[in-house]
């Protein structure tokens, strides 16, 4: 085998290119806002996302309002809360894992945790459809 043969990747082998790939903080933030918006039914423009180091992993903190049915409608139809995916706490708790998995899968970055702070509410019409 010559040096030229060694430089050519074997059939089926992954070709490696020199250089670095970096995903910017802004790209990660936009990804997190989009994913959280989809998962929780909130416009991404209303979501604040911040990052911190967590022993070599990324910890994501989100601050956002959440949609709820009007309280008058809930009094008339208590099952409406279930149509929205449960209580605010249940929805936010369930969303953490899904947001973590989706942001990790899309960005390739390893997240250690997702913290969600509900900053307000937005009255919405019917229940969410999943």
N, C-alpha and C. Protein backbone atom coordinates (compact mmCIF):
# COMPACT_ATOMS: atom_id res chain seq x y z
N UNK A 1 0.85 -1.16 0.00
CA UNK A 1 0.00 0.00 0.00
C UNK A 1 0.89 1.23 0.00
N UNK A 2 0.57 2.17 -0.87
CA UNK A 2 1.34 3.41 -0.95
C UNK A 2 0.67 4.48 -0.10
N UNK A 3 1.36 5.58 0.08
CA UNK A 3 0.80 6.70 0.84
C UNK A 3 -0.45 7.24 0.15
N UNK A 4 -0.47 7.23 -1.18
CA UNK A 4 -1.64 7.70 -1.92
C UNK A 4 -2.84 6.80 -1.66
N UNK A 5 -2.60 5.47 -1.57
CA UNK A 5 -3.69 4.54 -1.29
C UNK A 5 -4.26 4.77 0.10
N UNK A 6 -3.40 5.07 1.05
CA UNK A 6 -3.84 5.28 2.43
C UNK A 6 -4.68 6.55 2.56
N UNK A 7 -4.46 7.54 1.69
CA UNK A 7 -5.19 8.80 1.77
C UNK A 7 -6.61 8.67 1.23
N UNK A 8 -6.87 7.64 0.41
CA UNK A 8 -8.20 7.45 -0.16
C UNK A 8 -9.03 6.60 0.80
N UNK A 9 -10.20 7.09 1.22
CA UNK A 9 -11.01 6.31 2.15
C UNK A 9 -11.50 5.02 1.50
N UNK A 10 -11.57 3.98 2.29
CA UNK A 10 -12.08 2.70 1.80
C UNK A 10 -13.55 2.86 1.43
N UNK A 11 -14.00 2.01 0.52
CA UNK A 11 -15.40 2.05 0.09
C UNK A 11 -16.30 1.89 1.33
N UNK A 12 -17.27 2.77 1.47
CA UNK A 12 -18.19 2.71 2.60
C UNK A 12 -17.68 3.42 3.84
N UNK A 13 -16.41 3.78 3.86
CA UNK A 13 -15.87 4.48 5.04
C UNK A 13 -16.30 5.94 5.00
N UNK A 14 -16.52 6.51 6.14
CA UNK A 14 -16.91 7.91 6.23
C UNK A 14 -15.71 8.79 5.91
N UNK A 15 -15.90 9.76 5.05
CA UNK A 15 -14.83 10.68 4.70
C UNK A 15 -14.81 11.80 5.74
N UNK A 16 -13.67 12.06 6.31
CA UNK A 16 -13.53 13.11 7.32
C UNK A 16 -12.87 14.33 6.68
N UNK A 17 -13.43 15.46 6.98
CA UNK A 17 -12.90 16.71 6.46
C UNK A 17 -12.30 17.52 7.60
N UNK A 18 -11.22 18.21 7.29
CA UNK A 18 -10.58 19.05 8.30
C UNK A 18 -11.46 20.26 8.60
N UNK A 19 -11.32 20.78 9.79
CA UNK A 19 -12.06 21.99 10.15
C UNK A 19 -12.93 21.77 11.37
N UNK A 20 -13.63 22.82 11.74
CA UNK A 20 -14.47 22.79 12.93
C UNK A 20 -15.90 23.15 12.56
N UNK A 21 -16.83 22.57 13.25
CA UNK A 21 -18.24 22.93 13.12
C UNK A 21 -18.70 23.46 14.46
N UNK A 22 -19.38 24.58 14.43
CA UNK A 22 -19.90 25.16 15.67
C UNK A 22 -21.33 25.59 15.43
N UNK A 23 -22.17 25.33 16.40
CA UNK A 23 -23.54 25.82 16.37
C UNK A 23 -23.58 27.02 17.31
N UNK A 24 -23.93 28.18 16.77
CA UNK A 24 -23.89 29.41 17.58
C UNK A 24 -24.96 29.39 18.67
N UNK A 25 -24.75 30.21 19.66
CA UNK A 25 -25.72 30.35 20.74
C UNK A 25 -27.06 30.82 20.18
N UNK A 26 -27.02 31.73 19.21
CA UNK A 26 -28.27 32.22 18.61
C UNK A 26 -29.01 31.10 17.90
N UNK A 27 -28.28 30.22 17.21
CA UNK A 27 -28.93 29.09 16.53
C UNK A 27 -29.55 28.14 17.55
N UNK A 28 -28.84 27.87 18.64
CA UNK A 28 -29.39 27.02 19.70
C UNK A 28 -30.62 27.66 20.33
N UNK A 29 -30.55 28.96 20.56
CA UNK A 29 -31.67 29.67 21.17
C UNK A 29 -32.90 29.63 20.27
N UNK A 30 -32.71 29.89 18.99
CA UNK A 30 -33.84 29.84 18.05
C UNK A 30 -34.43 28.44 17.97
N UNK A 31 -33.57 27.43 17.99
CA UNK A 31 -34.04 26.04 17.98
C UNK A 31 -34.87 25.75 19.22
N UNK A 32 -34.35 26.13 20.38
CA UNK A 32 -35.07 25.89 21.64
C UNK A 32 -36.40 26.62 21.66
N UNK A 33 -36.43 27.86 21.19
CA UNK A 33 -37.68 28.62 21.16
C UNK A 33 -38.70 27.96 20.23
N UNK A 34 -38.25 27.50 19.08
CA UNK A 34 -39.15 26.85 18.14
C UNK A 34 -39.71 25.55 18.68
N UNK A 35 -38.85 24.74 19.26
CA UNK A 35 -39.28 23.46 19.82
C UNK A 35 -40.25 23.69 20.99
N UNK A 36 -39.88 24.57 21.91
CA UNK A 36 -40.75 24.83 23.06
C UNK A 36 -42.09 25.40 22.61
N UNK A 37 -42.06 26.24 21.59
CA UNK A 37 -43.30 26.79 21.07
C UNK A 37 -44.22 25.72 20.52
N UNK A 38 -43.64 24.77 19.77
CA UNK A 38 -44.43 23.66 19.24
C UNK A 38 -44.97 22.78 20.35
N UNK A 39 -44.13 22.44 21.29
CA UNK A 39 -44.52 21.51 22.35
C UNK A 39 -45.60 22.12 23.26
N UNK A 40 -45.46 23.40 23.58
CA UNK A 40 -46.38 24.02 24.53
C UNK A 40 -47.45 24.90 23.89
N UNK A 41 -47.43 25.00 22.56
CA UNK A 41 -48.45 25.78 21.88
C UNK A 41 -48.35 27.27 22.12
N UNK A 42 -47.12 27.77 22.18
CA UNK A 42 -46.86 29.19 22.43
C UNK A 42 -46.04 29.72 21.27
N UNK A 43 -46.28 30.96 20.87
CA UNK A 43 -45.47 31.56 19.82
C UNK A 43 -44.01 31.63 20.27
N UNK A 44 -43.08 31.18 19.43
CA UNK A 44 -41.65 31.23 19.80
C UNK A 44 -41.17 32.65 20.13
N UNK A 45 -41.83 33.65 19.57
CA UNK A 45 -41.42 35.03 19.84
C UNK A 45 -41.70 35.45 21.28
N UNK A 46 -42.55 34.70 21.98
CA UNK A 46 -42.88 35.01 23.37
C UNK A 46 -41.99 34.26 24.37
N UNK A 47 -41.08 33.44 23.86
CA UNK A 47 -40.27 32.57 24.72
C UNK A 47 -38.87 33.14 24.86
N UNK A 48 -38.40 33.25 26.10
CA UNK A 48 -37.01 33.63 26.36
C UNK A 48 -36.24 32.37 26.71
N UNK A 49 -35.10 32.21 26.09
CA UNK A 49 -34.25 31.04 26.34
C UNK A 49 -32.87 31.51 26.74
N UNK A 50 -32.29 30.84 27.73
CA UNK A 50 -30.92 31.13 28.13
C UNK A 50 -30.22 29.80 28.41
N UNK A 51 -28.91 29.86 28.33
CA UNK A 51 -28.08 28.66 28.45
C UNK A 51 -27.05 28.86 29.54
N UNK A 52 -26.68 27.77 30.17
CA UNK A 52 -25.54 27.81 31.11
C UNK A 52 -24.83 26.46 31.05
N UNK A 53 -23.59 26.48 31.46
CA UNK A 53 -22.81 25.25 31.52
C UNK A 53 -23.23 24.44 32.74
N UNK A 54 -23.41 23.16 32.54
CA UNK A 54 -23.77 22.25 33.63
C UNK A 54 -22.80 21.08 33.59
N UNK A 55 -21.60 21.31 34.09
CA UNK A 55 -20.54 20.31 34.14
C UNK A 55 -20.25 19.71 32.75
N UNK A 56 -20.12 20.60 31.76
CA UNK A 56 -19.78 20.18 30.41
C UNK A 56 -20.99 19.95 29.51
N UNK A 57 -22.17 19.97 30.05
CA UNK A 57 -23.39 19.84 29.26
C UNK A 57 -24.09 21.19 29.24
N UNK A 58 -25.11 21.32 28.41
CA UNK A 58 -25.86 22.55 28.35
C UNK A 58 -27.15 22.43 29.15
N UNK A 59 -27.39 23.40 30.00
CA UNK A 59 -28.66 23.49 30.73
C UNK A 59 -29.46 24.61 30.09
N UNK A 60 -30.69 24.30 29.72
CA UNK A 60 -31.57 25.25 29.05
C UNK A 60 -32.60 25.77 30.04
N UNK A 61 -32.74 27.09 30.10
CA UNK A 61 -33.78 27.72 30.91
C UNK A 61 -34.72 28.46 29.98
N UNK A 62 -36.01 28.20 30.15
CA UNK A 62 -37.03 28.84 29.33
C UNK A 62 -37.96 29.65 30.22
N UNK A 63 -38.37 30.80 29.74
CA UNK A 63 -39.37 31.63 30.42
C UNK A 63 -40.43 31.95 29.38
N UNK A 64 -41.69 31.63 29.70
CA UNK A 64 -42.74 31.78 28.70
C UNK A 64 -44.12 31.87 29.33
N UNK A 65 -45.05 32.50 28.60
CA UNK A 65 -46.44 32.43 29.03
C UNK A 65 -47.04 31.12 28.52
N UNK A 66 -48.11 30.69 29.10
CA UNK A 66 -48.73 29.44 28.66
C UNK A 66 -50.21 29.68 28.41
N UNK A 67 -50.74 28.99 27.42
CA UNK A 67 -52.15 29.14 27.08
C UNK A 67 -53.04 28.33 28.00
N UNK A 68 -54.14 28.94 28.41
CA UNK A 68 -55.13 28.24 29.23
C UNK A 68 -56.52 28.60 28.70
N UNK A 69 -57.51 27.77 28.99
CA UNK A 69 -58.88 28.14 28.64
C UNK A 69 -59.38 29.21 29.61
N UNK A 70 -60.39 29.95 29.20
CA UNK A 70 -60.93 30.96 30.13
C UNK A 70 -61.52 30.25 31.34
N UNK A 71 -61.39 30.88 32.49
CA UNK A 71 -61.88 30.28 33.72
C UNK A 71 -63.39 30.10 33.69
N UNK A 72 -64.09 30.99 33.01
CA UNK A 72 -65.54 30.84 32.87
C UNK A 72 -65.87 29.55 32.13
N UNK A 73 -65.13 29.27 31.07
CA UNK A 73 -65.36 28.03 30.31
C UNK A 73 -65.01 26.81 31.14
N UNK A 74 -63.97 26.88 31.95
CA UNK A 74 -63.58 25.74 32.79
C UNK A 74 -64.67 25.47 33.83
N UNK A 75 -65.27 26.52 34.37
CA UNK A 75 -66.37 26.33 35.33
C UNK A 75 -67.55 25.62 34.66
N UNK A 76 -67.80 25.96 33.41
CA UNK A 76 -68.91 25.34 32.67
C UNK A 76 -68.57 23.92 32.23
N UNK A 77 -67.30 23.69 31.93
CA UNK A 77 -66.88 22.37 31.43
C UNK A 77 -65.51 22.02 32.02
N UNK A 78 -65.46 21.40 33.20
CA UNK A 78 -64.18 21.08 33.84
C UNK A 78 -63.28 20.17 33.00
N UNK A 79 -63.85 19.40 32.08
CA UNK A 79 -63.05 18.52 31.22
C UNK A 79 -62.21 19.30 30.22
N UNK A 80 -62.48 20.57 30.08
CA UNK A 80 -61.72 21.41 29.15
C UNK A 80 -60.24 21.45 29.52
N UNK A 81 -59.93 21.36 30.80
CA UNK A 81 -58.52 21.36 31.25
C UNK A 81 -57.79 20.17 30.64
N UNK A 82 -58.43 19.01 30.61
CA UNK A 82 -57.82 17.82 30.00
C UNK A 82 -57.59 18.04 28.51
N UNK A 83 -58.49 18.76 27.85
CA UNK A 83 -58.33 19.06 26.42
C UNK A 83 -57.12 19.92 26.13
N UNK A 84 -56.67 20.65 27.13
CA UNK A 84 -55.47 21.46 26.98
C UNK A 84 -54.21 20.69 27.37
N UNK A 85 -54.36 19.44 27.78
CA UNK A 85 -53.20 18.63 28.15
C UNK A 85 -52.99 18.53 29.65
N UNK A 86 -53.95 18.98 30.44
CA UNK A 86 -53.83 18.91 31.90
C UNK A 86 -53.59 20.27 32.50
N UNK A 87 -53.26 20.25 33.78
CA UNK A 87 -52.98 21.51 34.49
C UNK A 87 -51.70 22.14 33.95
N UNK A 88 -51.50 23.38 34.30
CA UNK A 88 -50.27 24.07 33.87
C UNK A 88 -49.05 23.28 34.33
N UNK A 89 -49.03 22.85 35.59
CA UNK A 89 -47.88 22.10 36.12
C UNK A 89 -47.69 20.81 35.34
N UNK A 90 -48.77 20.07 35.07
CA UNK A 90 -48.65 18.80 34.34
C UNK A 90 -48.11 19.02 32.93
N UNK A 91 -48.58 20.04 32.27
CA UNK A 91 -48.14 20.33 30.90
C UNK A 91 -46.66 20.70 30.85
N UNK A 92 -46.25 21.58 31.77
CA UNK A 92 -44.85 22.03 31.79
C UNK A 92 -43.94 20.87 32.18
N UNK A 93 -44.35 20.09 33.15
CA UNK A 93 -43.56 18.93 33.58
C UNK A 93 -43.38 17.94 32.43
N UNK A 94 -44.44 17.64 31.71
CA UNK A 94 -44.36 16.69 30.59
C UNK A 94 -43.54 17.26 29.43
N UNK A 95 -43.56 18.57 29.26
CA UNK A 95 -42.86 19.20 28.14
C UNK A 95 -41.35 19.15 28.28
N UNK A 96 -40.83 19.12 29.51
CA UNK A 96 -39.38 19.17 29.73
C UNK A 96 -38.64 18.07 28.97
N UNK A 97 -39.08 16.84 29.13
CA UNK A 97 -38.40 15.73 28.48
C UNK A 97 -38.48 15.80 26.97
N UNK A 98 -39.65 16.17 26.46
CA UNK A 98 -39.82 16.27 25.01
C UNK A 98 -38.95 17.38 24.43
N UNK A 99 -38.89 18.52 25.11
CA UNK A 99 -38.05 19.63 24.64
C UNK A 99 -36.58 19.21 24.67
N UNK A 100 -36.15 18.60 25.76
CA UNK A 100 -34.76 18.15 25.87
C UNK A 100 -34.41 17.19 24.73
N UNK A 101 -35.26 16.19 24.50
CA UNK A 101 -34.98 15.21 23.44
C UNK A 101 -34.95 15.84 22.06
N UNK A 102 -35.91 16.69 21.77
CA UNK A 102 -35.99 17.28 20.43
C UNK A 102 -34.86 18.27 20.16
N UNK A 103 -34.52 19.11 21.14
CA UNK A 103 -33.42 20.06 20.94
C UNK A 103 -32.11 19.30 20.78
N UNK A 104 -31.90 18.26 21.57
CA UNK A 104 -30.69 17.44 21.44
C UNK A 104 -30.62 16.80 20.06
N UNK A 105 -31.72 16.23 19.61
CA UNK A 105 -31.75 15.54 18.31
C UNK A 105 -31.51 16.52 17.16
N UNK A 106 -32.14 17.69 17.22
CA UNK A 106 -32.02 18.66 16.13
C UNK A 106 -30.65 19.32 16.11
N UNK A 107 -30.14 19.72 17.27
CA UNK A 107 -28.90 20.51 17.32
C UNK A 107 -27.64 19.66 17.40
N UNK A 108 -27.77 18.44 17.92
CA UNK A 108 -26.58 17.62 18.14
C UNK A 108 -25.87 17.97 19.43
N UNK A 109 -26.37 18.95 20.17
CA UNK A 109 -25.79 19.34 21.45
C UNK A 109 -26.40 18.49 22.56
N UNK A 110 -25.62 18.22 23.58
CA UNK A 110 -26.11 17.40 24.69
C UNK A 110 -26.61 18.31 25.81
N UNK A 111 -27.90 18.22 26.08
CA UNK A 111 -28.51 19.00 27.15
C UNK A 111 -28.60 18.14 28.40
N UNK A 112 -28.36 18.76 29.54
CA UNK A 112 -28.47 18.03 30.81
C UNK A 112 -29.84 18.21 31.43
N UNK A 113 -30.46 19.36 31.16
CA UNK A 113 -31.74 19.64 31.80
C UNK A 113 -32.45 20.78 31.08
N UNK A 114 -33.75 20.85 31.33
CA UNK A 114 -34.57 21.96 30.84
C UNK A 114 -35.36 22.49 32.03
N UNK A 115 -35.20 23.76 32.33
CA UNK A 115 -35.97 24.41 33.39
C UNK A 115 -36.97 25.35 32.72
N UNK A 116 -38.23 25.27 33.14
CA UNK A 116 -39.27 26.11 32.55
C UNK A 116 -39.90 26.96 33.64
N UNK A 117 -39.93 28.27 33.39
CA UNK A 117 -40.60 29.20 34.30
C UNK A 117 -41.78 29.81 33.55
N UNK A 118 -42.98 29.61 34.06
CA UNK A 118 -44.18 30.18 33.45
C UNK A 118 -44.29 31.62 33.94
N UNK A 119 -44.26 32.56 32.98
CA UNK A 119 -44.24 33.99 33.32
C UNK A 119 -45.61 34.64 33.22
N UNK A 120 -46.58 33.93 32.70
CA UNK A 120 -47.91 34.51 32.55
C UNK A 120 -48.81 33.52 31.83
N UNK A 121 -50.03 33.96 31.59
CA UNK A 121 -50.98 33.11 30.88
C UNK A 121 -51.55 33.86 29.69
N UNK A 122 -52.04 33.10 28.73
CA UNK A 122 -52.72 33.65 27.57
C UNK A 122 -54.00 32.84 27.42
N UNK A 123 -55.12 33.53 27.42
CA UNK A 123 -56.40 32.85 27.28
C UNK A 123 -56.54 32.37 25.83
N UNK A 124 -56.82 31.08 25.67
CA UNK A 124 -56.97 30.49 24.35
C UNK A 124 -58.35 29.88 24.20
N UNK A 125 -58.71 29.63 22.95
CA UNK A 125 -60.01 29.04 22.63
C UNK A 125 -60.10 27.59 23.06
N UNK A 126 -60.32 26.71 22.10
CA UNK A 126 -60.53 25.29 22.37
C UNK A 126 -59.31 24.60 22.92
N UNK A 127 -59.49 23.32 23.25
CA UNK A 127 -58.39 22.50 23.77
C UNK A 127 -57.37 22.20 22.70
N UNK A 128 -56.20 21.85 23.12
CA UNK A 128 -55.13 21.48 22.19
C UNK A 128 -55.42 20.12 21.60
N UNK A 129 -55.07 19.95 20.35
CA UNK A 129 -55.22 18.66 19.70
C UNK A 129 -53.84 18.10 19.49
N UNK A 130 -53.62 16.87 19.94
CA UNK A 130 -52.31 16.25 19.79
C UNK A 130 -52.35 15.21 18.70
